[in-house]
PDB file of N, CA and C in Angstrom:
ATOM      1  N   MET A   1      52.082  65.735  65.453  1.00  0.00           N
ATOM      2  CA  MET A   1      51.004  66.281  64.657  1.00  0.00           C
ATOM      3  C   MET A   1      51.135  65.828  63.210  1.00  0.00           C
ATOM      4  N   TRP A   2      52.340  65.840  62.685  1.00  0.00           N
ATOM      5  CA  TRP A   2      52.516  65.500  61.276  1.00  0.00           C
ATOM      6  C   TRP A   2      52.196  64.043  61.003  1.00  0.00           C
ATOM      7  N   ASP A   3      52.389  63.171  62.014  1.00  0.00           N
ATOM      8  CA  ASP A   3      52.009  61.772  61.834  1.00  0.00           C
ATOM      9  C   ASP A   3      50.502  61.652  61.651  1.00  0.00           C
ATOM     10  N   HIS A   4      49.755  62.375  62.456  1.00  0.00           N
ATOM     11  CA  HIS A   4      48.292  62.358  62.338  1.00  0.00           C
ATOM     12  C   HIS A   4      47.854  62.966  61.002  1.00  0.00           C
ATOM     13  N   TYR A   5      48.518  64.026  60.561  1.00  0.00           N
ATOM     14  CA  TYR A   5      48.169  64.673  59.300  1.00  0.00           C
ATOM     15  C   TYR A   5      48.454  63.743  58.128  1.00  0.00           C
ATOM     16  N   ARG A   6      49.605  63.031  58.190  1.00  0.00           N
ATOM     17  CA  ARG A   6      49.944  62.096  57.112  1.00  0.00           C
ATOM     18  C   ARG A   6      48.952  60.950  57.014  1.00  0.00           C
ATOM     19  N   LYS A   7      48.420  60.508  58.146  1.00  0.00           N
ATOM     20  CA  LYS A   7      47.457  59.399  58.137  1.00  0.00           C
ATOM     21  C   LYS A   7      46.162  59.784  57.443  1.00  0.00           C
ATOM     22  N   THR A   8      45.757  61.017  57.556  1.00  0.00           N
ATOM     23  CA  THR A   8      44.481  61.460  56.993  1.00  0.00           C
ATOM     24  C   THR A   8      44.646  62.285  55.715  1.00  0.00           C
ATOM     25  N   LEU A   9      45.860  62.399  55.209  1.00  0.00           N
ATOM     26  CA  LEU A   9      46.152  63.298  54.091  1.00  0.00           C
ATOM     27  C   LEU A   9      45.344  62.979  52.840  1.00  0.00           C
ATOM     28  N   VAL A  10      45.371  61.742  52.380  1.00  0.00           N
ATOM     29  CA  VAL A  10      44.730  61.401  51.105  1.00  0.00           C
ATOM     30  C   VAL A  10      43.219  61.594  51.186  1.00  0.00           C
ATOM     31  N   ARG A  11      42.604  61.075  52.232  1.00  0.00           N
ATOM     32  CA  ARG A  11      41.147  61.224  52.363  1.00  0.00           C
ATOM     33  C   ARG A  11      40.745  62.682  52.490  1.00  0.00           C
ATOM     34  N   MET A  12      41.495  63.451  53.272  1.00  0.00           N
ATOM     35  CA  MET A  12      41.151  64.857  53.476  1.00  0.00           C
ATOM     36  C   MET A  12      41.330  65.657  52.184  1.00  0.00           C
ATOM     37  N   GLN A  13      42.397  65.405  51.439  1.00  0.00           N
ATOM     38  CA  GLN A  13      42.616  66.139  50.196  1.00  0.00           C
ATOM     39  C   GLN A  13      41.561  65.789  49.153  1.00  0.00           C
ATOM     40  N   MET A  14      41.133  64.524  49.124  1.00  0.00           N
ATOM     41  CA  MET A  14      40.059  64.150  48.198  1.00  0.00           C
ATOM     42  C   MET A  14      38.761  64.857  48.572  1.00  0.00           C
ATOM     43  N   PHE A  15      38.452  64.923  49.855  1.00  0.00           N
ATOM     44  CA  PHE A  15      37.248  65.609  50.312  1.00  0.00           C
ATOM     45  C   PHE A  15      37.305  67.098  49.966  1.00  0.00           C
ATOM     46  N   ILE A  16      38.454  67.724  50.204  1.00  0.00           N
ATOM     47  CA  ILE A  16      38.602  69.149  49.915  1.00  0.00           C
ATOM     48  C   ILE A  16      38.457  69.410  48.419  1.00  0.00           C
ATOM     49  N   ALA A  17      39.077  68.571  47.594  1.00  0.00           N
ATOM     50  CA  ALA A  17      38.995  68.762  46.137  1.00  0.00           C
ATOM     51  C   ALA A  17      37.565  68.576  45.635  1.00  0.00           C
ATOM     52  N   LEU A  18      36.887  67.546  46.111  1.00  0.00           N
ATOM     53  CA  LEU A  18      35.503  67.310  45.674  1.00  0.00           C
ATOM     54  C   LEU A  18      34.566  68.422  46.133  1.00  0.00           C
ATOM     55  N   THR A  19      34.745  68.867  47.358  1.00  0.00           N
ATOM     56  CA  THR A  19      33.891  69.930  47.886  1.00  0.00           C
ATOM     57  C   THR A  19      34.132  71.247  47.153  1.00  0.00           C
ATOM     58  N   THR A  20      35.395  71.559  46.903  1.00  0.00           N
ATOM     59  CA  THR A  20      35.709  72.795  46.175  1.00  0.00           C
ATOM     60  C   THR A  20      35.184  72.730  44.747  1.00  0.00           C
ATOM     61  N   GLY A  21      35.348  71.577  44.107  1.00  0.00           N
ATOM     62  CA  GLY A  21      34.810  71.411  42.754  1.00  0.00           C
ATOM     63  C   GLY A  21      33.299  71.545  42.715  1.00  0.00           C
ATOM     64  N   ALA A  22      32.629  70.950  43.695  1.00  0.00           N
ATOM     65  CA  ALA A  22      31.168  71.071  43.758  1.00  0.00           C
ATOM     66  C   ALA A  22      30.751  72.514  43.983  1.00  0.00           C
ATOM     67  N   LEU A  23      31.490  73.218  44.808  1.00  0.00           N
ATOM     68  CA  LEU A  23      31.181  74.631  45.050  1.00  0.00           C
ATOM     69  C   LEU A  23      31.350  75.439  43.768  1.00  0.00           C
ATOM     70  N   TYR A  24      32.452  75.200  43.068  1.00  0.00           N
ATOM     71  CA  TYR A  24      32.725  75.988  41.858  1.00  0.00           C
ATOM     72  C   TYR A  24      31.743  75.647  40.737  1.00  0.00           C
ATOM     73  N   PHE A  25      31.610  74.361  40.429  1.00  0.00           N
ATOM     74  CA  PHE A  25      30.783  73.970  39.287  1.00  0.00           C
ATOM     75  C   PHE A  25      29.291  73.966  39.607  1.00  0.00           C
ATOM     76  N   GLY A  26      28.940  73.707  40.841  1.00  0.00           N
ATOM     77  CA  GLY A  26      27.531  73.578  41.175  1.00  0.00           C
ATOM     78  C   GLY A  26      26.847  74.864  41.560  1.00  0.00           C
ATOM     79  N   LEU A  27      27.565  75.750  42.222  1.00  0.00           N
ATOM     80  CA  LEU A  27      26.882  76.909  42.779  1.00  0.00           C
ATOM     81  C   LEU A  27      27.184  78.223  42.084  1.00  0.00           C
ATOM     82  N   SER A  28      28.453  78.498  41.817  1.00  0.00           N
ATOM     83  CA  SER A  28      28.730  79.890  41.525  1.00  0.00           C
ATOM     84  C   SER A  28      29.525  80.174  40.258  1.00  0.00           C
ATOM     85  N   ARG A  29      30.474  79.319  39.920  1.00  0.00           N
ATOM     86  CA  ARG A  29      31.428  79.587  38.835  1.00  0.00           C
ATOM     87  C   ARG A  29      32.288  80.811  39.138  1.00  0.00           C
ATOM     88  N   ARG A  30      32.455  81.099  40.414  1.00  0.00           N
ATOM     89  CA  ARG A  30      33.342  82.189  40.834  1.00  0.00           C
ATOM     90  C   ARG A  30      34.620  81.566  41.366  1.00  0.00           C
ATOM     91  N   TRP A  31      35.716  81.753  40.635  1.00  0.00           N
ATOM     92  CA  TRP A  31      36.959  81.084  41.018  1.00  0.00           C
ATOM     93  C   TRP A  31      37.564  81.668  42.287  1.00  0.00           C
ATOM     94  N   VAL A  32      37.335  82.952  42.561  1.00  0.00           N
ATOM     95  CA  VAL A  32      37.885  83.560  43.779  1.00  0.00           C
ATOM     96  C   VAL A  32      37.228  82.947  45.013  1.00  0.00           C
ATOM     97  N   MET A  33      35.921  82.785  44.977  1.00  0.00           N
ATOM     98  CA  MET A  33      35.221  82.187  46.103  1.00  0.00           C
ATOM     99  C   MET A  33      35.675  80.734  46.315  1.00  0.00           C
ATOM    100  N   ALA A  34      35.841  79.990  45.240  1.00  0.00           N
ATOM    101  CA  ALA A  34      36.307  78.609  45.354  1.00  0.00           C
ATOM    102  C   ALA A  34      37.736  78.562  45.882  1.00  0.00           C
ATOM    103  N   ALA A  35      38.592  79.495  45.468  1.00  0.00           N
ATOM    104  CA  ALA A  35      39.979  79.513  45.946  1.00  0.00           C
ATOM    105  C   ALA A  35      40.058  79.849  47.432  1.00  0.00           C
ATOM    106  N   VAL A  36      39.240  80.784  47.880  1.00  0.00           N
ATOM    107  CA  VAL A  36      39.223  81.126  49.303  1.00  0.00           C
ATOM    108  C   VAL A  36      38.699  79.942  50.115  1.00  0.00           C
ATOM    109  N   PHE A  37      37.663  79.292  49.626  1.00  0.00           N
ATOM    110  CA  PHE A  37      37.134  78.112  50.294  1.00  0.00           C
ATOM    111  C   PHE A  37      38.191  77.015  50.368  1.00  0.00           C
ATOM    112  N   PHE A  38      38.914  76.789  49.272  1.00  0.00           N
ATOM    113  CA  PHE A  38      39.982  75.791  49.232  1.00  0.00           C
ATOM    114  C   PHE A  38      41.064  76.110  50.255  1.00  0.00           C
ATOM    115  N   ALA A  39      41.484  77.362  50.320  1.00  0.00           N
ATOM    116  CA  ALA A  39      42.532  77.760  51.269  1.00  0.00           C
ATOM    117  C   ALA A  39      42.062  77.584  52.711  1.00  0.00           C
ATOM    118  N   MET A  40      40.826  77.944  52.991  1.00  0.00           N
ATOM    119  CA  MET A  40      40.310  77.794  54.344  1.00  0.00           C
ATOM    120  C   MET A  40      40.191  76.320  54.736  1.00  0.00           C
ATOM    121  N   MET A  41      39.823  75.468  53.796  1.00  0.00           N
ATOM    122  CA  MET A  41      39.755  74.036  54.084  1.00  0.00           C
ATOM    123  C   MET A  41      41.149  73.470  54.361  1.00  0.00           C
ATOM    124  N   GLN A  42      42.163  73.957  53.646  1.00  0.00           N
ATOM    125  CA  GLN A  42      43.534  73.500  53.887  1.00  0.00           C
ATOM    126  C   GLN A  42      43.996  73.911  55.282  1.00  0.00           C
ATOM    127  N   VAL A  43      43.725  75.146  55.651  1.00  0.00           N
ATOM    128  CA  VAL A  43      44.094  75.620  56.988  1.00  0.00           C
ATOM    129  C   VAL A  43      43.337  74.819  58.047  1.00  0.00           C
ATOM    130  N   GLY A  44      42.072  74.556  57.804  1.00  0.00           N
ATOM    131  CA  GLY A  44      41.278  73.769  58.733  1.00  0.00           C
ATOM    132  C   GLY A  44      41.792  72.338  58.877  1.00  0.00           C
ATOM    133  N   ALA A  45      42.312  71.770  57.803  1.00  0.00           N
ATOM    134  CA  ALA A  45      42.861  70.414  57.872  1.00  0.00           C
ATOM    135  C   ALA A  45      44.098  70.374  58.761  1.00  0.00           C
ATOM    136  N   VAL A  46      44.959  71.373  58.639  1.00  0.00           N
ATOM    137  CA  VAL A  46      46.165  71.416  59.479  1.00  0.00           C
ATOM    138  C   VAL A  46      45.787  71.665  60.940  1.00  0.00           C
ATOM    139  N   ILE A  47      44.884  72.597  61.178  1.00  0.00           N
ATOM    140  CA  ILE A  47      44.460  72.869  62.556  1.00  0.00           C
ATOM    141  C   ILE A  47      43.755  71.653  63.149  1.00  0.00           C
ATOM    142  N   GLY A  48      42.945  70.964  62.359  1.00  0.00           N
ATOM    143  CA  GLY A  48      42.277  69.764  62.842  1.00  0.00           C
ATOM    144  C   GLY A  48      43.254  68.652  63.183  1.00  0.00           C
ATOM    145  N   ALA A  49      44.301  68.483  62.392  1.00  0.00           N
ATOM    146  CA  ALA A  49      45.323  67.475  62.701  1.00  0.00           C
ATOM    147  C   ALA A  49      46.060  67.845  63.979  1.00  0.00           C
ATOM    148  N   TRP A  50      46.359  69.115  64.148  1.00  0.00           N
ATOM    149  CA  TRP A  50      47.030  69.564  65.370  1.00  0.00           C
ATOM    150  C   TRP A  50      46.152  69.305  66.587  1.00  0.00           C
ATOM    151  N   TRP A  51      44.883  69.649  66.482  1.00  0.00           N
ATOM    152  CA  TRP A  51      43.957  69.481  67.589  1.00  0.00           C
ATOM    153  C   TRP A  51      43.741  68.001  67.908  1.00  0.00           C
ATOM    154  N   GLY A  52      43.578  67.174  66.865  1.00  0.00           N
ATOM    155  CA  GLY A  52      43.393  65.739  67.080  1.00  0.00           C
ATOM    156  C   GLY A  52      44.594  65.106  67.749  1.00  0.00           C
ATOM    157  N   ASP A  53      45.788  65.513  67.361  1.00  0.00           N
ATOM    158  CA  ASP A  53      46.996  64.990  67.991  1.00  0.00           C
ATOM    159  C   ASP A  53      47.072  65.425  69.446  1.00  0.00           C
ATOM    160  N   ARG A  54      46.706  66.642  69.709  1.00  0.00           N
ATOM    161  CA  ARG A  54      46.719  67.157  71.080  1.00  0.00           C
ATOM    162  C   ARG A  54      45.730  66.394  71.962  1.00  0.00           C
ATOM    163  N   LEU A  55      44.531  66.144  71.439  1.00  0.00           N
ATOM    164  CA  LEU A  55      43.547  65.377  72.188  1.00  0.00           C
ATOM    165  C   LEU A  55      44.020  63.950  72.425  1.00  0.00           C
ATOM    166  N   ARG A  56      44.626  63.339  71.424  1.00  0.00           N
ATOM    167  CA  ARG A  56      45.118  61.977  71.575  1.00  0.00           C
ATOM    168  C   ARG A  56      46.190  61.899  72.657  1.00  0.00           C
ATOM    169  N   ARG A  57      47.092  62.871  72.680  1.00  0.00           N
ATOM    170  CA  ARG A  57      48.136  62.869  73.713  1.00  0.00           C
ATOM    171  C   ARG A  57      47.544  63.100  75.098  1.00  0.00           C
ATOM    172  N   ARG A  58      46.516  63.910  75.208  1.00  0.00           N
ATOM    173  CA  ARG A  58      45.889  64.170  76.511  1.00  0.00           C
ATOM    174  C   ARG A  58      45.140  62.955  77.039  1.00  0.00           C
ATOM    175  N   LEU A  59      44.483  62.218  76.138  1.00  0.00           N
ATOM    176  CA  LEU A  59      43.674  61.096  76.557  1.00  0.00           C
ATOM    177  C   LEU A  59      44.478  59.815  76.745  1.00  0.00           C
ATOM    178  N   ARG A  60      45.666  59.759  76.153  1.00  0.00           N
ATOM    179  CA  ARG A  60      46.497  58.568  76.298  1.00  0.00           C
ATOM    180  C   ARG A  60      47.083  58.545  77.713  1.00  0.00           C
ATOM    181  N   PRO A  61      46.969  57.409  78.407  1.00  0.00           N
ATOM    182  CA  PRO A  61      47.540  57.343  79.761  1.00  0.00           C
ATOM    183  C   PRO A  61      49.059  57.466  79.716  1.00  0.00           C
ATOM    184  N   GLN A  62      49.593  58.181  80.650  1.00  0.00           N
ATOM    185  CA  GLN A  62      51.040  58.402  80.736  1.00  0.00           C
ATOM    186  C   GLN A  62      51.615  57.446  81.768  1.00  0.00           C
ATOM    187  N   PHE A  63      52.422  56.524  81.319  1.00  0.00           N
ATOM    188  CA  PHE A  63      53.096  55.593  82.231  1.00  0.00           C
ATOM    189  C   PHE A  63      54.579  55.868  82.197  1.00  0.00           C
ATOM    190  N   TYR A  64      55.157  56.051  83.349  1.00  0.00           N
ATOM    191  CA  TYR A  64      56.600  56.316  83.434  1.00  0.00           C
ATOM    192  C   TYR A  64      57.292  55.195  84.146  1.00  0.00           C
TER     193      TYR A  64
END
């Protein structure tokens, strides 16, 4: 899982930072809402990496 997370780390963190900044500066100026959104995006990134790795292992043919 961590290999998959490391591969997408930079792009995902840039997306999360830009989206959180747009939410804070564009919509609300509420730092609590932006912080909760940021935390949820971080959790979603880890869960998405775990899920993607799991799918990759399931779809990869197993040869012994």
